[in-house]
Amino acid sequence: MDFSTINYFAVLAAALSTFVLGGLWYSPLLFGKAWMRANGFSDADLQTLSKARMFGWSFLFSLVMSVNLAMFLSGPTTNIIWGMAAGGLA
């Protein structure tokens, strides 16, 4: 794989957007309370977690996912037909 074809700014933007949207998704504004209730967590359970560690791992996994997607899509034969086929098979 040729890493020179990857747009690293787009990878960083994708990782940040995934991180922000995930944080919003699991916040009390949207589905955080329902997620905690469905998994049997309480506010006290979440207070014992290291937030820096949790957010650090979350961002790292978002970055890995974004790099993987960029590598998957940066091939020379990638076009709209290829993308539709890959999306349809997924």
N, C-alpha and C. Protein backbone atom coordinates (compact mmCIF):
# COMPACT_ATOMS: atom_id res chain seq x y z
N MET A 1 0.85 -1.18 0.00
CA MET A 1 0.00 0.00 0.00
C MET A 1 0.88 1.23 0.00
N ASP A 2 0.55 2.15 -0.86
CA ASP A 2 1.29 3.40 -0.99
C ASP A 2 0.66 4.44 -0.07
N PHE A 3 1.37 4.79 0.99
CA PHE A 3 0.84 5.74 1.96
C PHE A 3 0.86 7.18 1.46
N SER A 4 1.53 7.42 0.33
CA SER A 4 1.58 8.79 -0.18
C SER A 4 0.26 9.22 -0.82
N THR A 5 -0.63 8.28 -1.10
CA THR A 5 -1.92 8.63 -1.72
C THR A 5 -2.99 8.96 -0.69
N ILE A 6 -2.67 8.80 0.58
CA ILE A 6 -3.66 9.06 1.63
C ILE A 6 -3.68 10.54 1.97
N ASN A 7 -4.86 11.10 2.05
CA ASN A 7 -5.05 12.49 2.44
C ASN A 7 -5.13 12.53 3.97
N TYR A 8 -4.02 12.89 4.61
CA TYR A 8 -3.95 12.83 6.07
C TYR A 8 -4.82 13.88 6.74
N PHE A 9 -5.05 15.00 6.08
CA PHE A 9 -5.97 16.00 6.62
C PHE A 9 -7.39 15.42 6.68
N ALA A 10 -7.79 14.71 5.64
CA ALA A 10 -9.12 14.08 5.62
C ALA A 10 -9.21 12.98 6.68
N VAL A 11 -8.12 12.24 6.88
CA VAL A 11 -8.10 11.20 7.91
C VAL A 11 -8.30 11.83 9.28
N LEU A 12 -7.59 12.92 9.56
CA LEU A 12 -7.73 13.60 10.85
C LEU A 12 -9.13 14.18 11.01
N ALA A 13 -9.67 14.77 9.95
CA ALA A 13 -11.03 15.32 10.01
C ALA A 13 -12.06 14.21 10.25
N ALA A 14 -11.88 13.06 9.61
CA ALA A 14 -12.80 11.94 9.81
C ALA A 14 -12.71 11.41 11.23
N ALA A 15 -11.49 11.30 11.75
CA ALA A 15 -11.32 10.81 13.12
C ALA A 15 -11.94 11.78 14.13
N LEU A 16 -11.72 13.06 13.92
CA LEU A 16 -12.31 14.06 14.83
C LEU A 16 -13.83 14.07 14.76
N SER A 17 -14.36 13.97 13.54
CA SER A 17 -15.82 13.98 13.42
C SER A 17 -16.44 12.73 14.04
N THR A 18 -15.80 11.59 13.88
CA THR A 18 -16.29 10.36 14.51
C THR A 18 -16.25 10.49 16.02
N PHE A 19 -15.17 11.06 16.53
CA PHE A 19 -15.01 11.25 17.97
C PHE A 19 -16.08 12.19 18.52
N VAL A 20 -16.31 13.30 17.82
CA VAL A 20 -17.31 14.29 18.27
C VAL A 20 -18.72 13.72 18.17
N LEU A 21 -19.04 13.09 17.04
CA LEU A 21 -20.39 12.52 16.88
C LEU A 21 -20.64 11.38 17.88
N GLY A 22 -19.62 10.58 18.15
CA GLY A 22 -19.77 9.53 19.16
C GLY A 22 -20.01 10.11 20.54
N GLY A 23 -19.28 11.18 20.86
CA GLY A 23 -19.49 11.84 22.15
C GLY A 23 -20.88 12.42 22.27
N LEU A 24 -21.37 13.00 21.20
CA LEU A 24 -22.73 13.54 21.20
C LEU A 24 -23.77 12.43 21.29
N TRP A 25 -23.54 11.35 20.57
CA TRP A 25 -24.48 10.22 20.54
C TRP A 25 -24.68 9.63 21.93
N TYR A 26 -23.58 9.46 22.68
CA TYR A 26 -23.67 8.86 24.01
C TYR A 26 -23.82 9.88 25.12
N SER A 27 -24.08 11.13 24.78
CA SER A 27 -24.29 12.16 25.80
C SER A 27 -25.73 12.10 26.29
N PRO A 28 -25.99 12.71 27.44
CA PRO A 28 -27.38 12.77 27.93
C PRO A 28 -28.31 13.54 26.99
N LEU A 29 -27.75 14.36 26.10
CA LEU A 29 -28.59 15.09 25.14
C LEU A 29 -29.33 14.16 24.19
N LEU A 30 -28.69 13.06 23.80
CA LEU A 30 -29.32 12.15 22.84
C LEU A 30 -29.67 10.81 23.50
N PHE A 31 -28.75 9.87 23.49
CA PHE A 31 -29.09 8.51 23.90
C PHE A 31 -28.29 7.99 25.09
N GLY A 32 -27.58 8.87 25.78
CA GLY A 32 -26.73 8.45 26.89
C GLY A 32 -27.50 7.79 28.02
N LYS A 33 -28.60 8.38 28.41
CA LYS A 33 -29.40 7.81 29.52
C LYS A 33 -29.99 6.45 29.13
N ALA A 34 -30.50 6.33 27.92
CA ALA A 34 -31.06 5.05 27.46
C ALA A 34 -29.97 4.00 27.35
N TRP A 35 -28.78 4.40 26.88
CA TRP A 35 -27.66 3.46 26.76
C TRP A 35 -27.23 2.97 28.14
N MET A 36 -27.16 3.89 29.12
CA MET A 36 -26.77 3.51 30.48
C MET A 36 -27.82 2.57 31.08
N ARG A 37 -29.07 2.87 30.89
CA ARG A 37 -30.15 2.04 31.42
C ARG A 37 -30.13 0.65 30.78
N ALA A 38 -29.94 0.57 29.47
CA ALA A 38 -29.94 -0.71 28.76
C ALA A 38 -28.76 -1.58 29.16
N ASN A 39 -27.64 -0.96 29.54
CA ASN A 39 -26.45 -1.72 29.92
C ASN A 39 -26.29 -1.87 31.43
N GLY A 40 -27.22 -1.33 32.18
CA GLY A 40 -27.19 -1.48 33.63
C GLY A 40 -26.14 -0.63 34.32
N PHE A 41 -25.76 0.49 33.71
CA PHE A 41 -24.79 1.39 34.32
C PHE A 41 -25.50 2.48 35.10
N SER A 42 -24.81 2.99 36.11
CA SER A 42 -25.31 4.15 36.84
C SER A 42 -24.30 5.28 36.69
N ASP A 43 -24.69 6.47 37.14
CA ASP A 43 -23.77 7.60 37.08
C ASP A 43 -22.53 7.33 37.93
N ALA A 44 -22.71 6.63 39.04
CA ALA A 44 -21.57 6.30 39.91
C ALA A 44 -20.59 5.36 39.21
N ASP A 45 -21.10 4.44 38.41
CA ASP A 45 -20.22 3.54 37.66
C ASP A 45 -19.33 4.31 36.70
N LEU A 46 -19.90 5.30 36.04
CA LEU A 46 -19.13 6.06 35.06
C LEU A 46 -18.15 7.02 35.71
N GLN A 47 -18.40 7.41 36.95
CA GLN A 47 -17.49 8.32 37.65
C GLN A 47 -16.18 7.63 38.01
N THR A 48 -16.19 6.31 38.12
CA THR A 48 -14.97 5.58 38.49
C THR A 48 -14.02 5.41 37.31
N LEU A 49 -14.48 5.64 36.09
CA LEU A 49 -13.65 5.47 34.90
C LEU A 49 -12.73 6.68 34.70
N SER A 50 -11.56 6.43 34.17
CA SER A 50 -10.63 7.50 33.81
C SER A 50 -11.08 8.11 32.48
N LYS A 51 -11.53 9.35 32.53
CA LYS A 51 -12.04 9.98 31.32
C LYS A 51 -10.94 10.20 30.28
N ALA A 52 -9.74 10.55 30.73
CA ALA A 52 -8.63 10.75 29.78
C ALA A 52 -8.31 9.46 29.06
N ARG A 53 -8.29 8.37 29.78
CA ARG A 53 -8.01 7.06 29.17
C ARG A 53 -9.13 6.67 28.20
N MET A 54 -10.37 6.85 28.63
CA MET A 54 -11.51 6.48 27.80
C MET A 54 -11.55 7.31 26.51
N PHE A 55 -11.37 8.62 26.61
CA PHE A 55 -11.39 9.47 25.42
C PHE A 55 -10.16 9.24 24.55
N GLY A 56 -9.02 8.95 25.18
CA GLY A 56 -7.81 8.66 24.41
C GLY A 56 -7.97 7.42 23.56
N TRP A 57 -8.47 6.35 24.15
CA TRP A 57 -8.70 5.11 23.39
C TRP A 57 -9.75 5.32 22.31
N SER A 58 -10.78 6.06 22.64
CA SER A 58 -11.84 6.33 21.66
C SER A 58 -11.28 7.07 20.45
N PHE A 59 -10.46 8.10 20.69
CA PHE A 59 -9.89 8.84 19.57
C PHE A 59 -8.90 7.98 18.79
N LEU A 60 -8.11 7.17 19.48
CA LEU A 60 -7.16 6.30 18.80
C LEU A 60 -7.89 5.32 17.87
N PHE A 61 -8.97 4.72 18.35
CA PHE A 61 -9.73 3.79 17.51
C PHE A 61 -10.40 4.52 16.35
N SER A 62 -10.85 5.74 16.56
CA SER A 62 -11.41 6.54 15.46
C SER A 62 -10.35 6.83 14.42
N LEU A 63 -9.14 7.11 14.86
CA LEU A 63 -8.04 7.37 13.94
C LEU A 63 -7.66 6.13 13.15
N VAL A 64 -7.59 4.98 13.82
CA VAL A 64 -7.29 3.72 13.14
C VAL A 64 -8.36 3.41 12.10
N MET A 65 -9.62 3.60 12.47
CA MET A 65 -10.71 3.34 11.55
C MET A 65 -10.64 4.28 10.33
N SER A 66 -10.30 5.54 10.55
CA SER A 66 -10.21 6.50 9.45
C SER A 66 -9.04 6.19 8.52
N VAL A 67 -7.90 5.79 9.07
CA VAL A 67 -6.76 5.42 8.23
C VAL A 67 -7.09 4.17 7.42
N ASN A 68 -7.74 3.21 8.06
CA ASN A 68 -8.12 1.98 7.36
C ASN A 68 -9.07 2.29 6.20
N LEU A 69 -10.05 3.13 6.43
CA LEU A 69 -10.98 3.50 5.37
C LEU A 69 -10.27 4.26 4.25
N ALA A 70 -9.34 5.15 4.61
CA ALA A 70 -8.59 5.89 3.59
C ALA A 70 -7.74 4.95 2.76
N MET A 71 -7.13 3.96 3.38
CA MET A 71 -6.33 2.99 2.64
C MET A 71 -7.22 2.16 1.71
N PHE A 72 -8.39 1.83 2.17
CA PHE A 72 -9.33 1.04 1.38
C PHE A 72 -9.82 1.81 0.16
N LEU A 73 -9.98 3.12 0.31
CA LEU A 73 -10.55 3.93 -0.77
C LEU A 73 -9.52 4.63 -1.64
N SER A 74 -8.23 4.50 -1.34
CA SER A 74 -7.23 5.28 -2.07
C SER A 74 -6.58 4.52 -3.22
N GLY A 75 -7.12 3.40 -3.60
CA GLY A 75 -6.54 2.63 -4.70
C GLY A 75 -6.73 3.30 -6.04
N PRO A 76 -5.89 2.98 -7.01
CA PRO A 76 -6.00 3.62 -8.33
C PRO A 76 -7.24 3.19 -9.11
N THR A 77 -7.83 2.06 -8.76
CA THR A 77 -9.01 1.58 -9.49
C THR A 77 -10.31 1.99 -8.83
N THR A 78 -10.23 2.80 -7.79
CA THR A 78 -11.43 3.21 -7.07
C THR A 78 -12.22 4.23 -7.90
N ASN A 79 -13.46 3.90 -8.18
CA ASN A 79 -14.37 4.82 -8.87
C ASN A 79 -15.76 4.63 -8.29
N ILE A 80 -16.74 5.27 -8.85
CA ILE A 80 -18.09 5.21 -8.27
C ILE A 80 -18.70 3.82 -8.36
N ILE A 81 -18.41 3.09 -9.43
CA ILE A 81 -18.94 1.73 -9.56
C ILE A 81 -18.33 0.83 -8.50
N TRP A 82 -17.02 0.96 -8.31
CA TRP A 82 -16.34 0.18 -7.29
C TRP A 82 -16.91 0.50 -5.90
N GLY A 83 -17.13 1.78 -5.62
CA GLY A 83 -17.69 2.19 -4.34
C GLY A 83 -19.09 1.66 -4.12
N MET A 84 -19.91 1.68 -5.17
CA MET A 84 -21.27 1.15 -5.05
C MET A 84 -21.25 -0.36 -4.82
N ALA A 85 -20.34 -1.06 -5.48
CA ALA A 85 -20.23 -2.50 -5.28
C ALA A 85 -19.76 -2.82 -3.87
N ALA A 86 -18.76 -2.09 -3.38
CA ALA A 86 -18.26 -2.32 -2.02
C ALA A 86 -19.35 -2.00 -0.99
N GLY A 87 -20.08 -0.92 -1.20
CA GLY A 87 -21.17 -0.57 -0.29
C GLY A 87 -22.30 -1.58 -0.33
N GLY A 88 -22.60 -2.09 -1.52
CA GLY A 88 -23.66 -3.09 -1.64
C GLY A 88 -23.28 -4.41 -1.00
N LEU A 89 -22.00 -4.77 -1.07
CA LEU A 89 -21.55 -6.02 -0.45
C LEU A 89 -21.43 -5.90 1.07
N ALA A 90 -21.25 -4.68 1.55
CA ALA A 90 -21.13 -4.48 2.99
C ALA A 90 -22.48 -4.67 3.62
